[in-house]
Amino acid sequence: MQPEERDLGLLWDMLDHAREVVSFVAARTFDDYIADVALRRAVERSVQIVGEAACRVSRQFCDAHPQIPWRAISAQRHILVHEYDQVQDDKIWRVATVYIPQLIELLTPLVPPAPPDPSAPG
């Protein structure tokens, strides 16, 4: 199933913010993560946005792509937003270093490449 325009935008948001997470934690260790509050907040925020976008993807598209763990992604967003006092750094680190890269692999074939930016220097 090809995504409709609204779903496509949400999938792009998921993919873009997932890639941000990967770039934030690249060449970092868990100890680096724990020691850097700005890094932790940046990762948490991007993971939250991935979850928010996932919550908004149409039920039809979600049902057509059960390989994506929609409920787990949404649940993680819920914890970050509503149960912030229960966020566990080791679990967010695992999300950032294991599950987000897996999500990128699952989303990439579903999202067409971005059109060239007409304002980019050529």
Protein backbone atom coordinates (compact mmCIF):
# COMPACT_ATOMS: atom_id res chain seq x y z
CA MET A 1 0.00 0.00 0.00
CA GLN A 2 1.35 3.38 -1.03
CA PRO A 3 0.97 6.12 1.57
CA GLU A 4 -1.58 8.86 1.03
CA GLU A 5 -0.30 12.44 1.15
CA ARG A 6 -1.04 12.94 4.86
CA ASP A 7 0.55 9.62 5.79
CA LEU A 8 3.52 10.38 3.58
CA GLY A 9 4.24 13.58 5.52
CA LEU A 10 4.00 11.71 8.81
CA LEU A 11 6.27 8.92 7.56
CA TRP A 12 8.78 11.55 6.45
CA ASP A 13 8.66 13.08 9.93
CA MET A 14 9.25 9.66 11.47
CA LEU A 15 12.16 8.92 9.17
CA ASP A 16 13.73 12.37 9.50
CA HIS A 17 13.62 12.38 13.30
CA ALA A 18 14.76 8.75 13.47
CA ARG A 19 17.80 9.71 11.42
CA GLU A 20 18.40 12.61 13.80
CA VAL A 21 18.46 10.19 16.72
CA VAL A 22 21.04 8.04 14.95
CA SER A 23 23.20 11.08 14.23
CA PHE A 24 22.93 12.24 17.86
CA VAL A 25 24.22 8.94 19.26
CA ALA A 26 26.78 8.16 16.56
CA ALA A 27 30.21 7.51 18.05
CA ARG A 28 28.78 7.99 21.56
CA THR A 29 28.71 5.55 24.44
CA PHE A 30 26.05 5.05 27.06
CA ASP A 31 28.33 6.84 29.53
CA ASP A 32 28.52 9.81 27.13
CA TYR A 33 24.75 9.78 26.94
CA ILE A 34 24.31 9.75 30.71
CA ALA A 35 26.84 12.54 31.18
CA ASP A 36 25.26 14.89 28.62
CA VAL A 37 21.82 16.18 29.61
CA ALA A 38 21.46 18.12 26.33
CA LEU A 39 22.10 14.92 24.34
CA ARG A 40 19.55 13.02 26.41
CA ARG A 41 16.91 15.70 25.88
CA ALA A 42 17.62 15.89 22.15
CA VAL A 43 17.26 12.12 21.77
CA GLU A 44 14.12 12.04 23.91
CA ARG A 45 12.51 14.85 21.90
CA SER A 46 13.25 13.24 18.55
CA VAL A 47 11.98 9.86 19.80
CA GLN A 48 8.86 11.65 21.03
CA ILE A 49 8.28 13.20 17.59
CA VAL A 50 8.72 9.79 15.94
CA GLY A 51 6.04 8.48 18.28
CA GLU A 52 3.69 11.41 17.76
CA ALA A 53 3.89 11.02 13.99
CA ALA A 54 3.33 7.26 14.31
CA CYS A 55 0.19 7.91 16.36
CA ARG A 56 -1.21 10.00 13.52
CA VAL A 57 -0.57 7.59 10.64
CA SER A 58 -3.86 6.26 9.28
CA ARG A 59 -5.16 2.97 10.63
CA GLN A 60 -5.32 1.63 7.06
CA PHE A 61 -1.63 2.27 6.48
CA CYS A 62 -0.68 0.81 9.87
CA ASP A 63 -2.74 -2.30 9.20
CA ALA A 64 -1.10 -2.66 5.79
CA HIS A 65 2.39 -2.51 7.38
CA PRO A 66 2.33 -4.66 10.52
CA GLN A 67 6.12 -5.09 10.38
CA ILE A 68 6.38 -1.62 11.92
CA PRO A 69 5.79 -1.75 15.69
CA TRP A 70 3.22 1.07 15.71
CA ARG A 71 1.93 0.34 19.22
CA ALA A 72 5.40 0.16 20.78
CA ILE A 73 6.40 3.41 19.11
CA SER A 74 3.24 5.10 20.35
CA ALA A 75 3.71 3.66 23.84
CA GLN A 76 7.24 5.07 24.04
CA ARG A 77 5.89 8.49 23.08
CA HIS A 78 3.26 8.20 25.80
CA ILE A 79 5.92 7.51 28.42
CA LEU A 80 8.06 10.46 27.30
CA VAL A 81 5.11 12.84 27.36
CA HIS A 82 2.95 11.65 30.23
CA GLU A 83 5.22 9.57 32.43
CA TYR A 84 8.40 11.64 32.15
CA ASP A 85 9.31 10.74 35.73
CA GLN A 86 9.51 7.09 34.69
CA VAL A 87 11.82 7.55 31.69
CA GLN A 88 14.71 5.13 32.04
CA ASP A 89 17.90 6.27 30.37
CA ASP A 90 19.04 2.73 29.58
CA LYS A 91 15.76 2.03 27.77
CA ILE A 92 15.94 5.25 25.73
CA TRP A 93 19.55 4.42 24.86
CA ARG A 94 18.40 1.00 23.61
CA VAL A 95 15.63 2.66 21.61
CA ALA A 96 18.16 5.07 20.09
CA THR A 97 20.84 2.51 19.29
CA VAL A 98 18.82 -0.62 18.46
CA TYR A 99 15.17 0.08 17.65
CA ILE A 100 15.49 3.39 15.82
CA PRO A 101 18.04 2.00 13.32
CA GLN A 102 15.67 -0.95 12.76
CA LEU A 103 12.80 1.47 12.22
CA ILE A 104 14.83 3.38 9.64
CA GLU A 105 15.36 0.13 7.73
CA LEU A 106 11.62 -0.56 7.79
CA LEU A 107 10.55 2.97 6.83
CA THR A 108 13.07 3.69 4.08
CA PRO A 109 11.48 1.47 1.42
CA LEU A 110 8.03 2.91 2.21
CA VAL A 111 9.00 6.55 1.75
CA PRO A 112 9.93 7.84 -1.69
CA PRO A 113 13.11 9.89 -1.95
CA ALA A 114 12.73 13.57 -1.26
CA PRO A 115 12.54 15.75 -4.35
CA PRO A 116 15.60 17.92 -4.92
CA ASP A 117 15.59 21.18 -2.99
CA PRO A 118 15.21 23.94 -5.60
CA SER A 119 16.86 26.45 -3.25
CA ALA A 120 19.96 24.28 -2.74
CA PRO A 121 23.12 25.56 -4.45
CA GLY A 122 23.69 23.68 -7.64
